[in-house]
Amino acid sequence: MSTQIVLPRILQTGAGASQEIPNVLASLHCRRPLIVTDKMMVELGYAARIQRCLEQHMIFPDIFDATVPEPTVGSIQAGVEQARSGDYDCLIALGGGSPIDSAKAIAVLTKHGGQMRDYKFPRIVLEGGLPVIAVPTTAGTGSEVTRVTIITDETSDEKMLCVGLGFMPVAALVDYELTLSLPPRITADTGIDALTHAIEAYVSRKANLYSDAQALAAMRLIAPNLRRAYQDGSDKVAREAMMLGSTLAGVAFSNASVALVHGMSRPIGAFFHVPHGLSNAMLLPTVTAWSIPAAPERYADCARAMGIASEQDDTDTSNRKLLDELRALNDELQVPSPELFGIERQRFVELLPVMAEQALASGSPGNNPRVPDVNAIIELYRQLW
């Protein structure tokens, strides 16, 4: 059986990759870009850096900086309105996963119209929007190389999973130098997010030889370097490894799908405004422990790729070391429990049935080695608390 692999047309990695935007635009025959970013990227001067680079080539981009940390239907619509008001031929997505996810959605809606909910899974979106050039500034989401975007419907607090070729950026410029100023909290949350992508892609029921190779390579890069990047943000070797690992993990899960951690993570983010990477980190040890019995060899492979189990360790030993490492990582990177994050327990318990239904409806739990029903997801949420 063959496997279709989908990637950006252009993928450039390494120091200074973000300065290649003029050459990328020329290759795409684009000269009227709109930079889609957030106010932090403007304040830090990253947007101006891109503008100056382009102005040297007589390209004068406008900026939409009203993306929000967990993109909503409203924030996307604001971007669509600006994109439609100008004669733009492409979007430059600058920032973490939220600006990139926002740009993907804006690109499709600007060209094809309709409402965000029209593009929600199980629909597979094949229609291409405006070309998106993704410039990530975090080592975490992998959104620059995925055909996925996640948008929250604020009227129902549902995180809508939107999937298809139409959401794949045409270019990704992966420049680790843009991550050197990231604070430890964002480094930790996005780093565990990337590790989760790699693990879930490898154990997914949709895994294939290609995604396996990317996922294992990502784990080898991320696991030894996440603590280093967290402890010393100026460590260029660790930052470069994390950035490439994040991108490879994105390639892996874009072509194999994520699983139960992501399915359960989205409702927590939607209802309680927990950053996506952080809710993944909260869930990863609990869901992994529950899932191991259905794919013990696969999880043991993850432990070996991460360097926490040796080839001489048997499967049970490797998996025990994997769980110990995931818990230790959360402790060292100060990942809070839902309670310590500030979630109110009664509200959490009241929403368990709704969160479980939304998790299942996303489709991601069906890719898990051990496929849950609603009751199993509710019990896992209880264990998480």
Protein backbone atom coordinates (compact mmCIF):
# COMPACT_ATOMS: atom_id res chain seq x y z
CA MET A 1 0.00 0.00 0.00
CA SER A 2 1.37 3.43 -0.92
CA THR A 3 1.43 6.52 1.28
CA GLN A 4 0.91 10.07 0.04
CA ILE A 5 3.40 12.50 1.61
CA VAL A 6 2.52 16.21 1.64
CA LEU A 7 5.15 18.87 2.30
CA PRO A 8 5.65 22.59 1.63
CA ARG A 9 7.00 23.26 -1.86
CA ILE A 10 9.97 25.09 -0.29
CA LEU A 11 11.53 24.17 3.07
CA GLN A 12 14.59 26.13 4.17
CA THR A 13 16.24 25.55 7.54
CA GLY A 14 19.11 27.04 9.53
CA ALA A 15 20.44 30.38 10.70
CA GLY A 16 19.22 33.24 8.55
CA ALA A 17 16.55 31.22 6.75
CA SER A 18 13.97 33.91 7.50
CA GLN A 19 15.99 36.42 5.47
CA GLU A 20 15.36 34.38 2.33
CA ILE A 21 11.79 35.66 2.02
CA PRO A 22 12.55 37.90 -1.00
CA ASN A 23 13.95 34.95 -2.95
CA VAL A 24 10.98 32.79 -2.00
CA LEU A 25 8.50 35.47 -3.10
CA ALA A 26 10.35 35.81 -6.40
CA SER A 27 10.16 32.06 -7.00
CA LEU A 28 6.40 32.18 -6.33
CA HIS A 29 5.94 35.30 -8.52
CA CYS A 30 4.45 37.17 -5.55
CA ARG A 31 5.06 40.86 -4.82
CA ARG A 32 2.19 41.98 -2.61
CA PRO A 33 2.40 40.12 0.73
CA LEU A 34 0.41 40.67 3.91
CA ILE A 35 2.31 39.77 7.09
CA VAL A 36 0.02 37.89 9.48
CA THR A 37 1.43 38.00 13.00
CA ASP A 38 0.69 39.11 16.56
CA LYS A 39 1.44 42.23 18.55
CA MET A 40 4.34 40.58 20.39
CA MET A 41 6.16 39.93 17.11
CA VAL A 42 5.66 43.60 16.25
CA GLU A 43 6.90 44.78 19.67
CA LEU A 44 9.97 42.54 19.50
CA GLY A 45 10.84 43.95 16.10
CA TYR A 46 10.55 40.68 14.17
CA ALA A 47 7.87 42.04 11.84
CA ALA A 48 9.94 45.15 11.14
CA ARG A 49 12.95 42.93 10.41
CA ILE A 50 10.93 41.14 7.71
CA GLN A 51 9.66 44.46 6.36
CA ARG A 52 13.19 45.90 6.08
CA CYS A 53 14.40 42.77 4.32
CA LEU A 54 11.58 43.03 1.76
CA GLU A 55 11.86 46.80 1.31
CA GLN A 56 15.43 46.32 0.09
CA HIS A 57 13.82 44.48 -2.83
CA MET A 58 11.15 47.15 -3.37
CA ILE A 59 8.44 45.02 -1.77
CA PHE A 60 6.34 46.89 0.79
CA PRO A 61 4.17 44.54 2.90
CA ASP A 62 1.30 45.51 5.16
CA ILE A 63 0.83 43.94 8.59
CA PHE A 64 -2.16 42.28 10.23
CA ASP A 65 -1.14 41.89 13.89
CA ALA A 66 -4.47 41.01 15.52
CA THR A 67 -4.04 37.23 15.71
CA VAL A 68 -4.69 35.80 19.19
CA PRO A 69 -2.97 32.99 21.15
CA GLU A 70 -5.76 30.48 20.52
CA PRO A 71 -7.26 31.61 17.17
CA THR A 72 -11.00 32.20 17.17
CA VAL A 73 -13.59 32.54 14.45
CA GLY A 74 -13.75 36.27 15.24
CA SER A 75 -10.00 36.82 15.02
CA ILE A 76 -9.87 34.95 11.72
CA GLN A 77 -12.71 36.99 10.28
CA ALA A 78 -10.87 40.21 11.13
CA GLY A 79 -7.88 38.91 9.18
CA VAL A 80 -10.07 37.91 6.25
CA GLU A 81 -11.55 41.41 6.11
CA GLN A 82 -8.10 43.02 5.95
CA ALA A 83 -6.86 40.48 3.40
CA ARG A 84 -9.85 41.17 1.18
CA SER A 85 -9.42 44.94 1.48
CA GLY A 86 -6.00 44.86 -0.18
CA ASP A 87 -4.68 43.47 -3.41
CA TYR A 88 -2.54 40.81 -1.68
CA ASP A 89 -1.14 37.85 -3.57
CA CYS A 90 0.26 35.93 -0.57
CA LEU A 91 0.47 35.84 3.23
CA ILE A 92 3.63 35.73 5.35
CA ALA A 93 2.81 33.94 8.62
CA LEU A 94 5.23 35.14 11.31
CA GLY A 95 5.14 33.78 14.85
CA GLY A 96 4.25 30.67 16.78
CA GLY A 97 1.54 28.18 15.92
CA SER A 98 -1.31 30.63 16.44
CA PRO A 99 -0.28 33.21 13.78
CA ILE A 100 0.60 30.39 11.38
CA ASP A 101 -2.69 28.58 11.99
CA SER A 102 -4.47 31.92 11.61
CA ALA A 103 -2.77 32.66 8.30
CA LYS A 104 -3.75 29.25 6.93
CA ALA A 105 -7.40 29.84 7.77
CA ILE A 106 -7.34 33.43 6.52
CA ALA A 107 -5.77 32.31 3.24
CA VAL A 108 -8.53 29.78 2.51
CA LEU A 109 -11.46 31.95 3.63
CA THR A 110 -10.17 34.99 1.73
CA LYS A 111 -10.10 33.07 -1.54
CA HIS A 112 -13.07 30.74 -1.16
CA GLY A 113 -15.43 32.47 1.28
CA GLY A 114 -17.87 30.84 3.64
CA GLN A 115 -17.57 30.41 7.40
CA MET A 116 -14.80 28.68 9.36
CA ARG A 117 -17.21 25.97 10.47
CA ASP A 118 -17.74 25.05 6.80
CA TYR A 119 -14.15 23.77 6.73
CA LYS A 120 -14.28 21.70 9.92
CA PHE A 121 -13.30 18.01 9.94
CA PRO A 122 -14.59 15.54 8.67
CA ARG A 123 -14.48 17.75 5.58
CA ILE A 124 -11.10 17.44 3.86
CA VAL A 125 -10.17 20.83 2.45
CA LEU A 126 -8.47 20.48 -0.93
CA GLU A 127 -9.04 24.02 -2.21
CA GLY A 128 -5.85 26.09 -2.05
CA GLY A 129 -6.06 29.58 -0.63
CA LEU A 130 -3.63 32.46 -0.99
CA PRO A 131 -0.04 31.13 -0.83
CA VAL A 132 1.27 31.08 2.74
CA ILE A 133 4.97 31.50 3.57
CA ALA A 134 5.40 30.33 7.17
CA VAL A 135 8.17 31.72 9.37
CA PRO A 136 7.94 30.02 12.79
CA THR A 137 9.37 31.71 15.88
CA THR A 138 8.83 28.81 18.30
CA ALA A 139 10.13 25.25 18.30
CA GLY A 140 6.88 23.49 18.97
CA THR A 141 3.78 23.40 16.83
CA GLY A 142 5.27 22.33 13.51
CA SER A 143 2.39 24.24 11.92
CA GLU A 144 4.73 25.49 9.18
CA VAL A 145 4.79 21.99 7.64
CA THR A 146 1.30 20.68 8.40
CA ARG A 147 -2.00 20.56 6.51
CA VAL A 148 -3.89 21.29 9.73
CA THR A 149 -5.27 24.37 11.44
CA ILE A 150 -7.22 24.58 14.70
CA ILE A 151 -9.70 27.40 15.23
CA THR A 152 -11.93 27.93 18.28
CA ASP A 153 -15.62 28.69 17.81
CA GLU A 154 -16.08 31.10 20.69
CA THR A 155 -19.86 30.70 20.63
CA SER A 156 -19.60 27.02 21.62
CA ASP A 157 -16.05 26.84 23.06
CA GLU A 158 -15.23 24.15 20.52
CA LYS A 159 -11.78 23.83 18.99
CA MET A 160 -12.47 22.95 15.38
CA LEU A 161 -9.95 20.74 13.62
CA CYS A 162 -9.59 21.72 9.97
CA VAL A 163 -7.54 19.46 7.71
CA GLY A 164 -6.50 19.19 4.07
CA LEU A 165 -4.05 20.17 1.35
CA GLY A 166 -5.58 23.63 1.26
CA PHE A 167 -3.98 24.45 4.61
CA MET A 168 -0.41 23.44 3.73
CA PRO A 169 1.97 26.42 3.46
CA VAL A 170 3.76 26.66 0.14
CA ALA A 171 7.00 27.58 1.92
CA ALA A 172 8.47 27.22 5.40
CA LEU A 173 11.53 29.17 6.50
CA VAL A 174 12.77 27.58 9.72
CA ASP A 175 15.27 29.92 11.37
CA TYR A 176 16.30 28.88 14.90
CA GLU A 177 17.78 32.35 15.55
CA LEU A 178 14.20 33.62 15.92
CA THR A 179 13.80 31.41 19.02
CA LEU A 180 16.81 32.69 20.97
CA SER A 181 14.72 35.24 22.87
CA LEU A 182 11.91 32.86 23.83
CA PRO A 183 11.25 32.81 27.60
CA PRO A 184 11.60 29.49 29.48
CA ARG A 185 7.84 28.91 29.85
CA ILE A 186 7.16 29.12 26.12
CA THR A 187 10.29 27.07 25.41
CA ALA A 188 9.00 24.33 27.71
CA ASP A 189 5.41 24.27 26.50
CA THR A 190 6.24 24.35 22.80
CA GLY A 191 9.06 21.84 23.27
CA ILE A 192 6.84 19.26 24.95
CA ASP A 193 4.24 19.94 22.27
CA ALA A 194 6.82 18.98 19.63
CA LEU A 195 7.81 15.87 21.57
CA THR A 196 4.13 14.91 21.79
CA HIS A 197 3.78 15.31 18.02
CA ALA A 198 6.68 12.95 17.43
CA ILE A 199 5.49 10.30 19.89
CA GLU A 200 1.88 10.38 18.72
CA ALA A 201 2.88 10.23 15.06
CA TYR A 202 5.01 7.17 15.76
CA VAL A 203 2.31 5.28 17.67
CA SER A 204 -0.57 6.45 15.46
CA ARG A 205 -2.62 3.84 13.64
CA LYS A 206 -1.90 5.87 10.49
CA ALA A 207 1.88 5.71 10.93
CA ASN A 208 3.94 4.71 7.92
CA LEU A 209 7.62 4.18 7.13
CA TYR A 210 8.12 7.80 6.08
CA SER A 211 6.43 9.32 9.13
CA ASP A 212 8.26 6.84 11.37
CA ALA A 213 11.63 8.05 10.08
CA GLN A 214 10.70 11.70 10.72
CA ALA A 215 9.22 10.99 14.15
CA LEU A 216 12.23 9.03 15.40
CA ALA A 217 14.63 11.68 14.09
CA ALA A 218 12.58 14.36 15.84
CA MET A 219 12.72 12.50 19.17
CA ARG A 220 16.48 12.11 18.86
CA LEU A 221 16.82 15.87 18.42
CA ILE A 222 14.25 17.05 20.96
CA ALA A 223 14.78 14.77 23.95
CA PRO A 224 18.46 15.64 24.69
CA ASN A 225 18.02 19.35 23.98
CA LEU A 226 14.72 20.42 25.53
CA ARG A 227 16.12 20.84 29.03
CA ARG A 228 19.20 22.61 27.64
CA ALA A 229 17.09 25.14 25.72
CA TYR A 230 14.85 25.63 28.77
CA GLN A 231 17.77 26.25 31.11
CA ASP A 232 19.79 28.43 28.72
CA GLY A 233 17.84 30.11 25.96
CA SER A 234 21.04 31.35 24.32
CA ASP A 235 22.32 27.80 23.70
CA LYS A 236 22.40 27.90 19.90
CA VAL A 237 23.18 24.20 19.49
CA ALA A 238 20.15 23.22 21.59
CA ARG A 239 17.93 25.83 19.91
CA GLU A 240 18.85 24.63 16.43
CA ALA A 241 18.21 21.00 17.38
CA MET A 242 14.85 21.91 18.91
CA MET A 243 13.82 23.91 15.85
CA LEU A 244 14.66 21.16 13.38
CA GLY A 245 13.16 18.53 15.69
CA SER A 246 9.92 20.50 15.88
CA THR A 247 9.73 20.75 12.09
CA LEU A 248 10.42 17.03 11.61
CA ALA A 249 7.77 16.21 14.22
CA GLY A 250 5.36 18.43 12.28
CA VAL A 251 6.15 16.55 9.08
CA ALA A 252 5.60 13.26 10.93
CA PHE A 253 2.20 14.06 12.40
CA SER A 254 0.98 15.88 9.29
CA ASN A 255 1.49 12.61 7.43
CA ALA A 256 0.44 10.19 10.19
CA SER A 257 -1.98 12.21 12.36
CA VAL A 258 -1.91 12.87 16.07
CA ALA A 259 -3.82 10.77 18.57
CA LEU A 260 -5.51 10.80 21.98
CA VAL A 261 -3.37 13.43 23.72
CA HIS A 262 -4.32 16.01 21.11
CA GLY A 263 -7.93 14.93 21.04
CA MET A 264 -8.23 15.47 24.79
CA SER A 265 -6.05 18.58 24.79
CA ARG A 266 -8.20 20.72 22.49
CA PRO A 267 -11.29 20.89 24.76
CA ILE A 268 -9.12 21.82 27.76
CA GLY A 269 -7.69 24.68 25.74
CA ALA A 270 -11.07 25.79 24.44
CA PHE A 271 -12.93 25.78 27.77
CA PHE A 272 -10.15 26.86 30.13
CA HIS A 273 -7.81 28.83 27.85
CA VAL A 274 -4.83 26.61 28.56
CA PRO A 275 -2.11 27.09 25.90
CA HIS A 276 -2.10 24.13 23.52
CA GLY A 277 1.43 22.95 24.28
CA LEU A 278 0.82 23.16 28.01
CA SER A 279 -2.38 21.10 27.91
CA ASN A 280 -0.54 18.49 25.81
CA ALA A 281 2.20 18.40 28.43
CA MET A 282 -0.35 17.94 31.22
CA LEU A 283 -1.90 14.97 29.42
CA LEU A 284 1.13 13.20 27.94
CA PRO A 285 2.18 11.01 30.92
CA THR A 286 -1.39 9.94 31.81
CA VAL A 287 -2.45 9.13 28.24
CA THR A 288 0.83 7.39 27.45
CA ALA A 289 0.47 5.12 30.50
CA TRP A 290 -3.07 4.20 29.41
CA SER A 291 -2.04 3.59 25.79
CA ILE A 292 1.16 1.54 26.23
CA PRO A 293 -0.56 -1.86 26.59
CA ALA A 294 -1.87 -1.57 23.02
CA ALA A 295 1.53 -0.76 21.43
CA PRO A 296 4.31 -1.65 23.88
CA GLU A 297 6.99 -2.13 21.23
CA ARG A 298 6.23 1.20 19.60
CA TYR A 299 6.47 3.10 22.87
CA ALA A 300 9.68 1.24 23.71
CA ASP A 301 11.09 2.47 20.40
CA CYS A 302 10.27 6.01 21.51
CA ALA A 303 12.17 5.53 24.76
CA ARG A 304 15.22 4.28 22.84
CA ALA A 305 15.06 7.13 20.30
CA MET A 306 14.89 9.62 23.16
CA GLY A 307 18.03 8.11 24.65
CA ILE A 308 16.44 7.13 27.95
CA ALA A 309 16.45 3.38 27.25
CA SER A 310 19.20 1.32 25.66
CA GLU A 311 18.96 -1.35 22.98
CA GLN A 312 19.64 -3.87 25.73
CA ASP A 313 16.56 -2.84 27.73
CA ASP A 314 13.53 -5.06 27.22
CA THR A 315 10.16 -3.62 26.26
CA ASP A 316 8.75 -3.37 29.79
CA THR A 317 11.89 -1.70 31.13
CA SER A 318 11.96 0.74 28.23
CA ASN A 319 8.34 1.72 28.78
CA ARG A 320 8.85 2.16 32.50
CA LYS A 321 11.78 4.46 31.75
CA LEU A 322 9.63 6.36 29.22
CA LEU A 323 6.92 7.09 31.78
CA ASP A 324 9.48 8.05 34.41
CA GLU A 325 11.07 10.47 31.93
CA LEU A 326 7.78 12.08 30.89
CA ARG A 327 6.87 12.69 34.54
CA ALA A 328 10.35 13.96 35.37
CA LEU A 329 10.27 16.29 32.36
CA ASN A 330 6.98 17.80 33.49
CA ASP A 331 8.40 18.30 37.00
CA GLU A 332 11.63 19.92 35.80
CA LEU A 333 9.86 22.14 33.28
CA GLN A 334 7.28 23.11 35.92
CA VAL A 335 4.22 21.93 34.02
CA PRO A 336 1.28 22.63 36.35
CA SER A 337 -1.65 20.35 37.04
CA PRO A 338 -5.06 21.66 35.94
CA GLU A 339 -5.70 22.74 39.54
CA LEU A 340 -2.40 24.61 39.85
CA PHE A 341 -3.07 26.28 36.49
CA GLY A 342 -6.18 27.76 38.09
CA ILE A 343 -8.96 25.61 36.67
CA GLU A 344 -11.95 25.39 39.00
CA ARG A 345 -12.61 21.76 39.90
CA GLN A 346 -16.41 21.83 39.85
CA ARG A 347 -16.47 23.45 36.42
CA PHE A 348 -13.93 20.89 35.16
CA VAL A 349 -16.06 17.98 36.41
CA GLU A 350 -19.26 19.48 34.99
CA LEU A 351 -17.71 19.74 31.54
CA LEU A 352 -16.24 16.22 31.43
CA PRO A 353 -19.01 14.72 29.23
CA VAL A 354 -18.89 17.64 26.78
CA MET A 355 -15.09 17.62 26.62
CA ALA A 356 -15.08 13.86 26.05
CA GLU A 357 -17.60 14.14 23.21
CA GLN A 358 -15.63 16.95 21.57
CA ALA A 359 -12.41 14.97 21.92
CA LEU A 360 -13.95 11.99 20.15
CA ALA A 361 -15.56 14.16 17.47
CA SER A 362 -12.13 15.56 16.51
CA GLY A 363 -11.18 12.15 15.12
CA SER A 364 -7.74 12.13 16.78
CA PRO A 365 -8.58 9.52 19.47
CA GLY A 366 -9.42 7.05 16.69
CA ASN A 367 -5.74 7.11 15.66
CA ASN A 368 -4.58 6.08 19.13
CA PRO A 369 -3.15 2.55 19.60
CA ARG A 370 -5.78 2.00 22.28
CA VAL A 371 -9.00 3.59 21.08
CA PRO A 372 -11.17 5.00 23.88
CA ASP A 373 -14.89 5.51 24.21
CA VAL A 374 -16.49 8.48 25.95
CA ASN A 375 -16.35 6.83 29.36
CA ALA A 376 -12.66 6.03 29.01
CA ILE A 377 -11.89 9.65 28.09
CA ILE A 378 -13.89 10.92 31.07
CA GLU A 379 -11.91 8.61 33.35
CA LEU A 380 -8.61 9.83 31.88
CA TYR A 381 -9.68 13.43 32.49
CA ARG A 382 -10.43 12.47 36.09
CA GLN A 383 -6.97 10.90 36.42
CA LEU A 384 -5.44 14.06 35.00
CA TRP A 385 -7.03 16.12 37.75
